[in-house]
N, C-alpha and C. Protein backbone atom coordinates (compact mmCIF):
# COMPACT_ATOMS: atom_id res chain seq x y z
N MET A 1 -6.02 41.53 -11.05
CA MET A 1 -5.34 40.80 -12.08
C MET A 1 -5.65 39.34 -11.87
N LYS A 2 -6.07 38.60 -12.95
CA LYS A 2 -6.48 37.15 -12.94
C LYS A 2 -5.12 36.37 -13.23
N ARG A 3 -4.58 35.61 -12.37
CA ARG A 3 -3.51 34.83 -12.59
C ARG A 3 -3.81 33.33 -12.98
N VAL A 4 -3.17 32.87 -14.12
CA VAL A 4 -3.31 31.64 -14.71
C VAL A 4 -1.99 30.94 -14.40
N MET A 5 -2.13 29.56 -14.05
CA MET A 5 -0.81 28.81 -13.89
C MET A 5 -1.02 27.56 -14.78
N ALA A 6 -0.04 27.20 -15.56
CA ALA A 6 0.07 26.20 -16.38
C ALA A 6 1.19 25.28 -15.99
N PHE A 7 1.24 23.99 -16.38
CA PHE A 7 2.34 23.11 -16.00
C PHE A 7 2.80 22.33 -17.17
N GLY A 8 4.04 21.77 -17.26
CA GLY A 8 4.50 20.96 -18.24
C GLY A 8 5.96 20.51 -18.18
N SER A 9 6.40 19.56 -18.81
CA SER A 9 7.84 19.13 -18.91
C SER A 9 8.56 19.99 -20.00
N PHE A 10 7.80 20.24 -21.02
CA PHE A 10 8.41 20.93 -22.19
C PHE A 10 9.84 20.48 -22.60
N ASP A 11 9.90 19.22 -22.67
CA ASP A 11 11.11 18.66 -23.04
C ASP A 11 11.60 18.95 -24.57
N ILE A 12 10.66 18.68 -25.40
CA ILE A 12 10.93 19.02 -26.81
C ILE A 12 9.80 20.08 -27.09
N LEU A 13 10.27 21.32 -26.99
CA LEU A 13 9.25 22.36 -27.36
C LEU A 13 8.62 22.23 -28.60
N HIS A 14 7.22 22.29 -28.88
CA HIS A 14 6.63 22.11 -30.16
C HIS A 14 5.29 22.89 -30.13
N LEU A 15 4.61 23.00 -31.26
CA LEU A 15 3.52 23.63 -31.68
C LEU A 15 2.33 23.34 -30.57
N GLY A 16 2.24 22.21 -30.08
CA GLY A 16 1.14 21.67 -29.23
C GLY A 16 1.40 22.49 -27.88
N HIS A 17 2.68 22.68 -27.58
CA HIS A 17 3.05 23.39 -26.26
C HIS A 17 2.65 24.84 -26.39
N LEU A 18 2.89 25.46 -27.55
CA LEU A 18 2.64 26.82 -27.63
C LEU A 18 1.09 27.01 -27.79
N LEU A 19 0.43 26.19 -28.52
CA LEU A 19 -1.11 26.35 -28.57
C LEU A 19 -1.69 26.14 -27.06
N TYR A 20 -1.21 25.26 -26.25
CA TYR A 20 -1.61 25.16 -24.93
C TYR A 20 -1.31 26.37 -24.18
N LEU A 21 -0.19 27.06 -24.26
CA LEU A 21 0.08 28.20 -23.39
C LEU A 21 -0.56 29.33 -23.88
N LYS A 22 -1.01 29.45 -25.24
CA LYS A 22 -1.65 30.66 -25.71
C LYS A 22 -3.22 30.44 -25.16
N LYS A 23 -3.69 29.27 -25.19
CA LYS A 23 -4.98 29.09 -24.58
C LYS A 23 -5.14 29.43 -23.07
N ALA A 24 -4.16 28.93 -22.34
CA ALA A 24 -3.99 29.17 -21.02
C ALA A 24 -3.97 30.70 -20.76
N ARG A 25 -3.08 31.40 -21.45
CA ARG A 25 -2.99 32.79 -21.34
C ARG A 25 -4.31 33.54 -21.63
N MET A 26 -5.22 33.05 -22.51
CA MET A 26 -6.34 33.68 -22.75
C MET A 26 -7.36 33.54 -21.48
N LEU A 27 -7.08 32.72 -20.64
CA LEU A 27 -7.88 32.50 -19.37
C LEU A 27 -7.71 33.63 -18.29
N GLY A 28 -6.80 34.51 -18.59
CA GLY A 28 -6.51 35.55 -17.48
C GLY A 28 -5.68 36.61 -18.04
N ASP A 29 -4.97 37.34 -17.18
CA ASP A 29 -4.16 38.48 -17.47
C ASP A 29 -2.66 38.19 -17.31
N PHE A 30 -2.31 37.06 -16.68
CA PHE A 30 -0.83 36.85 -16.28
C PHE A 30 -0.75 35.37 -16.19
N LEU A 31 0.14 34.81 -17.04
CA LEU A 31 0.44 33.46 -17.14
C LEU A 31 1.89 32.98 -16.53
N ILE A 32 1.59 32.24 -15.40
CA ILE A 32 2.84 31.58 -14.88
C ILE A 32 2.81 30.14 -15.25
N VAL A 33 4.10 29.81 -15.82
CA VAL A 33 4.29 28.44 -16.27
C VAL A 33 5.29 27.77 -15.34
N VAL A 34 4.87 26.61 -14.78
CA VAL A 34 5.78 25.76 -14.07
C VAL A 34 6.36 24.66 -14.89
N VAL A 35 7.71 24.82 -14.97
CA VAL A 35 8.40 23.82 -15.76
C VAL A 35 8.97 22.74 -14.82
N ALA A 36 8.72 21.47 -15.21
CA ALA A 36 8.96 20.39 -14.28
C ALA A 36 10.44 20.20 -14.07
N ARG A 37 10.84 19.89 -12.91
CA ARG A 37 12.19 19.58 -12.60
C ARG A 37 12.68 18.27 -13.34
N ASP A 38 14.01 18.19 -13.50
CA ASP A 38 14.56 16.94 -14.15
C ASP A 38 14.14 15.74 -13.41
N LYS A 39 14.23 15.74 -12.07
CA LYS A 39 13.99 14.63 -11.21
C LYS A 39 12.44 14.30 -11.17
N SER A 40 11.56 15.21 -11.39
CA SER A 40 10.12 15.05 -11.47
C SER A 40 9.90 14.23 -12.68
N ILE A 41 10.42 14.69 -13.92
CA ILE A 41 10.24 13.95 -15.19
C ILE A 41 10.76 12.52 -15.14
N GLU A 42 11.91 12.32 -14.43
CA GLU A 42 12.52 10.95 -14.32
C GLU A 42 11.45 10.16 -13.53
N GLY A 43 10.75 10.60 -12.48
CA GLY A 43 10.04 9.84 -11.67
C GLY A 43 8.76 9.53 -12.48
N MET A 44 8.17 10.52 -13.33
CA MET A 44 6.86 10.34 -14.08
C MET A 44 7.14 9.52 -15.24
N LYS A 45 8.28 9.73 -16.06
CA LYS A 45 8.42 9.08 -17.20
C LYS A 45 9.34 7.85 -17.34
N GLY A 46 10.16 7.72 -16.13
CA GLY A 46 11.16 6.72 -15.96
C GLY A 46 12.43 6.95 -16.73
N LYS A 47 12.58 8.16 -17.29
CA LYS A 47 13.85 8.48 -17.93
C LYS A 47 14.08 9.97 -17.94
N ALA A 48 15.38 10.44 -17.92
CA ALA A 48 15.74 11.67 -17.98
C ALA A 48 15.34 12.37 -19.16
N PRO A 49 14.99 13.66 -18.90
CA PRO A 49 14.57 14.45 -20.20
C PRO A 49 15.87 14.65 -21.15
N ILE A 50 15.55 15.08 -22.27
CA ILE A 50 16.52 15.27 -23.24
C ILE A 50 17.29 16.53 -22.91
N MET A 51 16.47 17.62 -22.47
CA MET A 51 17.01 18.93 -22.21
C MET A 51 16.97 19.10 -20.75
N ASN A 52 17.99 19.57 -20.10
CA ASN A 52 17.99 19.93 -18.70
C ASN A 52 16.96 20.97 -18.31
N GLU A 53 16.80 21.17 -16.98
CA GLU A 53 15.54 22.00 -16.48
C GLU A 53 15.92 23.40 -16.79
N LYS A 54 17.24 23.81 -16.80
CA LYS A 54 17.61 25.22 -16.98
C LYS A 54 17.38 25.54 -18.51
N ALA A 55 17.56 24.68 -19.32
CA ALA A 55 17.51 25.04 -20.72
C ALA A 55 15.86 25.03 -21.10
N ARG A 56 15.19 24.16 -20.50
CA ARG A 56 13.67 24.19 -20.69
C ARG A 56 13.10 25.28 -20.24
N LEU A 57 13.56 25.76 -19.11
CA LEU A 57 13.04 27.02 -18.38
C LEU A 57 13.34 28.24 -19.25
N ALA A 58 14.64 28.39 -19.86
CA ALA A 58 14.91 29.43 -20.73
C ALA A 58 14.03 29.54 -21.81
N LEU A 59 13.74 28.38 -22.61
CA LEU A 59 12.89 28.27 -23.83
C LEU A 59 11.46 28.75 -23.37
N VAL A 60 10.95 28.23 -22.26
CA VAL A 60 9.59 28.48 -21.98
C VAL A 60 9.55 30.08 -21.66
N SER A 61 10.45 30.50 -20.95
CA SER A 61 10.53 32.10 -20.53
C SER A 61 10.52 32.89 -21.74
N SER A 62 11.01 32.39 -22.84
CA SER A 62 11.07 33.11 -24.13
C SER A 62 9.82 33.36 -24.89
N LEU A 63 8.76 32.49 -24.50
CA LEU A 63 7.69 32.45 -25.30
C LEU A 63 6.69 33.56 -24.94
N ARG A 64 6.07 34.12 -26.09
CA ARG A 64 5.31 35.33 -25.97
C ARG A 64 4.13 35.23 -24.87
N PRO A 65 3.38 34.17 -24.92
CA PRO A 65 2.20 34.12 -24.09
C PRO A 65 2.66 34.06 -22.55
N VAL A 66 3.97 33.72 -22.27
CA VAL A 66 4.43 33.37 -20.93
C VAL A 66 4.88 34.72 -20.22
N ASP A 67 4.20 35.11 -19.21
CA ASP A 67 4.64 36.16 -18.27
C ASP A 67 5.75 35.85 -17.17
N LEU A 68 5.72 34.72 -16.70
CA LEU A 68 6.68 34.23 -15.85
C LEU A 68 6.65 32.67 -15.95
N ALA A 69 8.02 32.33 -15.96
CA ALA A 69 8.22 30.82 -16.05
C ALA A 69 9.12 30.57 -14.79
N VAL A 70 8.79 29.40 -13.90
CA VAL A 70 9.34 29.04 -12.83
C VAL A 70 9.65 27.57 -12.86
N LEU A 71 10.64 27.09 -12.23
CA LEU A 71 10.90 25.68 -12.06
C LEU A 71 9.91 25.07 -10.94
N GLY A 72 9.48 23.99 -11.04
CA GLY A 72 8.73 23.38 -10.02
C GLY A 72 9.56 23.20 -8.77
N GLU A 73 8.86 23.02 -7.70
CA GLU A 73 9.44 22.98 -6.34
C GLU A 73 10.27 21.71 -6.23
N LYS A 74 11.38 21.68 -5.38
CA LYS A 74 12.18 20.45 -5.05
C LYS A 74 11.49 20.08 -3.71
N LEU A 75 10.80 19.04 -3.83
CA LEU A 75 10.13 18.49 -2.67
C LEU A 75 10.55 17.22 -2.11
N PRO A 76 10.79 17.42 -0.78
CA PRO A 76 11.31 16.13 -0.08
C PRO A 76 10.32 15.04 0.21
N GLY A 77 10.60 13.78 0.07
CA GLY A 77 9.66 12.80 0.47
C GLY A 77 8.33 12.92 0.07
N GLN A 78 7.28 12.90 0.88
CA GLN A 78 5.86 12.72 0.50
C GLN A 78 5.35 14.28 0.50
N ALA A 79 6.06 15.27 0.41
CA ALA A 79 5.56 16.73 0.28
C ALA A 79 4.64 16.73 -0.83
N SER A 80 3.61 17.69 -0.82
CA SER A 80 2.65 17.81 -1.83
C SER A 80 3.21 18.35 -3.00
N ARG A 81 2.94 17.69 -4.26
CA ARG A 81 3.38 18.21 -5.44
C ARG A 81 2.55 19.62 -5.88
N TYR A 82 1.46 19.76 -5.06
CA TYR A 82 0.67 21.07 -5.31
C TYR A 82 1.17 22.25 -4.53
N GLU A 83 2.37 21.89 -3.78
CA GLU A 83 2.82 23.16 -3.05
C GLU A 83 3.12 24.48 -3.63
N ILE A 84 3.44 24.47 -4.84
CA ILE A 84 3.85 25.58 -5.64
C ILE A 84 2.55 26.56 -5.90
N LEU A 85 1.35 25.88 -5.81
CA LEU A 85 0.22 26.69 -5.85
C LEU A 85 -0.03 27.51 -4.60
N ARG A 86 0.35 27.15 -3.52
CA ARG A 86 0.24 27.88 -2.27
C ARG A 86 1.18 29.24 -2.51
N LYS A 87 2.34 29.09 -3.22
CA LYS A 87 3.24 30.17 -3.23
C LYS A 87 2.81 31.18 -4.30
N TYR A 88 2.01 30.74 -5.33
CA TYR A 88 1.54 31.77 -6.34
C TYR A 88 0.04 32.07 -6.31
N LYS A 89 -0.63 31.23 -5.65
CA LYS A 89 -2.18 31.45 -5.45
C LYS A 89 -2.90 31.84 -6.89
N PRO A 90 -2.81 30.86 -7.75
CA PRO A 90 -3.43 31.29 -9.09
C PRO A 90 -5.03 31.36 -8.98
N ASP A 91 -5.64 32.02 -9.92
CA ASP A 91 -7.14 32.03 -9.93
C ASP A 91 -7.64 30.96 -10.86
N VAL A 92 -6.67 30.67 -11.69
CA VAL A 92 -7.12 29.54 -12.85
C VAL A 92 -5.95 28.61 -12.86
N ILE A 93 -6.24 27.28 -12.85
CA ILE A 93 -5.12 26.23 -13.12
C ILE A 93 -5.43 25.55 -14.49
N ALA A 94 -4.63 25.72 -15.53
CA ALA A 94 -4.83 25.32 -16.89
C ALA A 94 -3.99 24.05 -17.03
N LEU A 95 -4.70 22.86 -17.24
CA LEU A 95 -4.01 21.58 -17.42
C LEU A 95 -4.16 21.10 -18.89
N GLY A 96 -3.14 20.49 -19.36
CA GLY A 96 -3.11 20.08 -20.76
C GLY A 96 -3.89 18.89 -20.89
N TYR A 97 -4.34 18.54 -22.21
CA TYR A 97 -5.28 17.39 -22.33
C TYR A 97 -4.66 16.03 -21.94
N ASP A 98 -3.47 16.02 -21.92
CA ASP A 98 -2.70 14.76 -21.43
C ASP A 98 -1.97 14.69 -20.22
N GLN A 99 -2.28 15.71 -19.39
CA GLN A 99 -1.66 15.63 -18.05
C GLN A 99 -2.40 14.72 -17.15
N LYS A 100 -1.70 13.87 -16.52
CA LYS A 100 -2.34 13.02 -15.54
C LYS A 100 -2.37 13.58 -14.21
N VAL A 101 -3.59 14.20 -14.02
CA VAL A 101 -3.82 14.78 -12.77
C VAL A 101 -5.28 14.49 -12.35
N ASP A 102 -5.38 14.09 -11.08
CA ASP A 102 -6.64 13.80 -10.57
C ASP A 102 -7.31 15.06 -10.27
N ILE A 103 -8.36 15.61 -10.97
CA ILE A 103 -8.84 16.89 -10.78
C ILE A 103 -9.66 16.86 -9.47
N GLY A 104 -10.34 15.86 -9.08
CA GLY A 104 -10.94 15.75 -7.80
C GLY A 104 -9.98 16.01 -6.63
N GLU A 105 -9.00 15.28 -6.71
CA GLU A 105 -7.89 15.38 -5.67
C GLU A 105 -7.39 16.71 -5.58
N LEU A 106 -7.11 17.32 -6.73
CA LEU A 106 -6.58 18.58 -6.96
C LEU A 106 -7.54 19.66 -6.26
N LYS A 107 -8.86 19.59 -6.64
CA LYS A 107 -9.89 20.47 -6.20
C LYS A 107 -9.94 20.47 -4.61
N LYS A 108 -9.88 19.19 -4.11
CA LYS A 108 -9.96 19.01 -2.55
C LYS A 108 -8.72 19.69 -1.99
N TRP A 109 -7.58 19.50 -2.53
CA TRP A 109 -6.41 20.04 -1.98
C TRP A 109 -6.60 21.66 -2.08
N LEU A 110 -6.93 22.13 -3.11
CA LEU A 110 -7.25 23.60 -3.27
C LEU A 110 -8.17 23.98 -2.13
N PHE A 111 -9.31 23.49 -1.91
CA PHE A 111 -10.26 23.78 -0.90
C PHE A 111 -9.60 23.83 0.44
N SER A 112 -8.94 22.65 0.74
CA SER A 112 -8.42 22.61 2.07
C SER A 112 -7.29 23.68 2.37
N ASN A 113 -6.71 24.12 1.35
CA ASN A 113 -5.64 25.07 1.47
C ASN A 113 -6.22 26.56 1.22
N GLY A 114 -7.45 26.65 1.10
CA GLY A 114 -7.99 28.12 0.97
C GLY A 114 -7.64 28.77 -0.28
N ILE A 115 -7.39 27.92 -1.35
CA ILE A 115 -7.23 28.55 -2.68
C ILE A 115 -8.40 28.40 -3.55
N LYS A 116 -8.91 29.50 -4.02
CA LYS A 116 -10.10 29.52 -4.89
C LYS A 116 -9.77 29.58 -6.42
N ALA A 117 -9.27 28.48 -6.71
CA ALA A 117 -8.84 28.61 -8.14
C ALA A 117 -9.76 27.62 -9.05
N ARG A 118 -10.11 28.09 -10.35
CA ARG A 118 -10.89 27.23 -11.10
C ARG A 118 -9.86 26.40 -11.93
N VAL A 119 -10.25 25.16 -12.12
CA VAL A 119 -9.49 24.15 -12.86
C VAL A 119 -10.06 23.92 -14.35
N VAL A 120 -9.11 24.18 -15.26
CA VAL A 120 -9.70 24.04 -16.59
C VAL A 120 -8.73 23.06 -17.37
N ARG A 121 -9.36 22.26 -18.14
CA ARG A 121 -8.59 21.27 -18.97
C ARG A 121 -8.59 21.88 -20.34
N ILE A 122 -7.26 22.21 -20.90
CA ILE A 122 -7.19 22.75 -22.19
C ILE A 122 -7.19 21.54 -23.29
N ARG A 123 -8.15 21.83 -24.15
CA ARG A 123 -8.15 20.92 -25.20
C ARG A 123 -7.66 21.78 -26.49
N GLY A 124 -6.84 21.09 -27.30
CA GLY A 124 -6.39 21.76 -28.41
C GLY A 124 -6.87 21.34 -29.76
N LYS A 125 -6.61 22.13 -30.74
CA LYS A 125 -6.83 21.88 -32.20
C LYS A 125 -5.77 21.24 -32.75
N ALA A 126 -4.52 21.22 -32.10
CA ALA A 126 -3.28 20.57 -32.47
C ALA A 126 -3.71 19.16 -32.67
N ASP A 127 -3.04 18.59 -33.73
CA ASP A 127 -3.32 17.11 -33.89
C ASP A 127 -2.36 16.34 -33.00
N GLU A 128 -2.97 15.77 -31.83
CA GLU A 128 -2.33 15.00 -30.76
C GLU A 128 -1.49 14.02 -31.21
N LYS A 129 -1.64 13.40 -32.37
CA LYS A 129 -0.87 12.44 -32.98
C LYS A 129 0.41 13.00 -33.55
N VAL A 130 0.52 14.33 -33.96
CA VAL A 130 1.75 14.79 -34.33
C VAL A 130 2.38 15.66 -33.34
N PHE A 131 1.71 16.45 -32.56
CA PHE A 131 2.36 17.35 -31.56
C PHE A 131 2.19 16.77 -30.21
N LYS A 132 3.14 15.82 -29.96
CA LYS A 132 3.36 15.03 -28.79
C LYS A 132 4.89 14.77 -28.69
N SER A 133 5.56 15.12 -27.48
CA SER A 133 7.00 15.06 -27.51
C SER A 133 7.40 13.49 -27.65
N SER A 134 6.74 12.54 -27.03
CA SER A 134 6.94 11.30 -27.11
C SER A 134 7.01 10.73 -28.65
N LEU A 135 6.07 11.18 -29.28
CA LEU A 135 6.00 10.92 -30.79
C LEU A 135 7.10 11.48 -31.52
N ILE A 136 7.38 12.71 -31.23
CA ILE A 136 8.56 13.37 -31.99
C ILE A 136 9.91 12.66 -31.66
N LYS A 137 9.96 12.34 -30.36
CA LYS A 137 11.30 11.46 -30.05
C LYS A 137 11.31 10.28 -30.89
N ARG A 138 10.17 9.52 -30.96
CA ARG A 138 10.28 8.22 -31.85
C ARG A 138 10.53 8.62 -33.39
N LYS A 139 10.01 9.49 -33.76
CA LYS A 139 10.28 9.93 -35.18
C LYS A 139 11.65 10.30 -35.28
N LEU A 140 12.32 11.08 -34.39
CA LEU A 140 13.47 11.37 -34.44
C LEU A 140 14.60 10.04 -34.40
N ALA A 141 14.29 9.26 -33.46
CA ALA A 141 15.07 8.04 -33.45
C ALA A 141 15.04 7.20 -34.66
N ILE A 142 13.87 7.07 -35.41
CA ILE A 142 13.90 6.58 -36.78
C ILE A 142 14.60 7.26 -37.84
N TYR A 143 14.46 8.68 -37.72
CA TYR A 143 15.26 9.37 -38.76
C TYR A 143 16.71 9.33 -38.59
N LEU A 144 17.20 9.20 -37.33
CA LEU A 144 18.65 9.12 -36.98
C LEU A 144 19.30 7.79 -37.30
N LYS A 145 18.40 6.76 -37.34
CA LYS A 145 18.88 5.40 -37.65
C LYS A 145 18.97 5.20 -39.23
N ARG A 146 18.60 6.17 -40.07
CA ARG A 146 18.73 5.94 -41.57
C ARG A 146 20.07 6.33 -42.00
């Protein structure tokens, strides 16, 4: 069985997320989705997510392409953000078009940890100017001010 692992915040679930996960699922037989922890999102984006991690996990778990959804690891200090890969040992790692991951660094970590996973960047047909959580949040803010 070929296991695929995808990652994301999934703060405001939208069509772009669904297309990303559908394409990721097509890369193998079993899709594991890692939902970012609230603290991780705060660190990456400088602000708390709109929905908490348990709500985001429940939504992602309910999506048809997803076989297993898990929360990212709680990592102390300088522990590797890739640690969850050691736990699930995926055959394929599917990254979204806008995920800020140094693929060279990731491949080096995989090699040094004996994980033989292919890294794939998912490019979507979804209009990236429409299906992006940050843009949806801005549009909602404008709408709510009316």
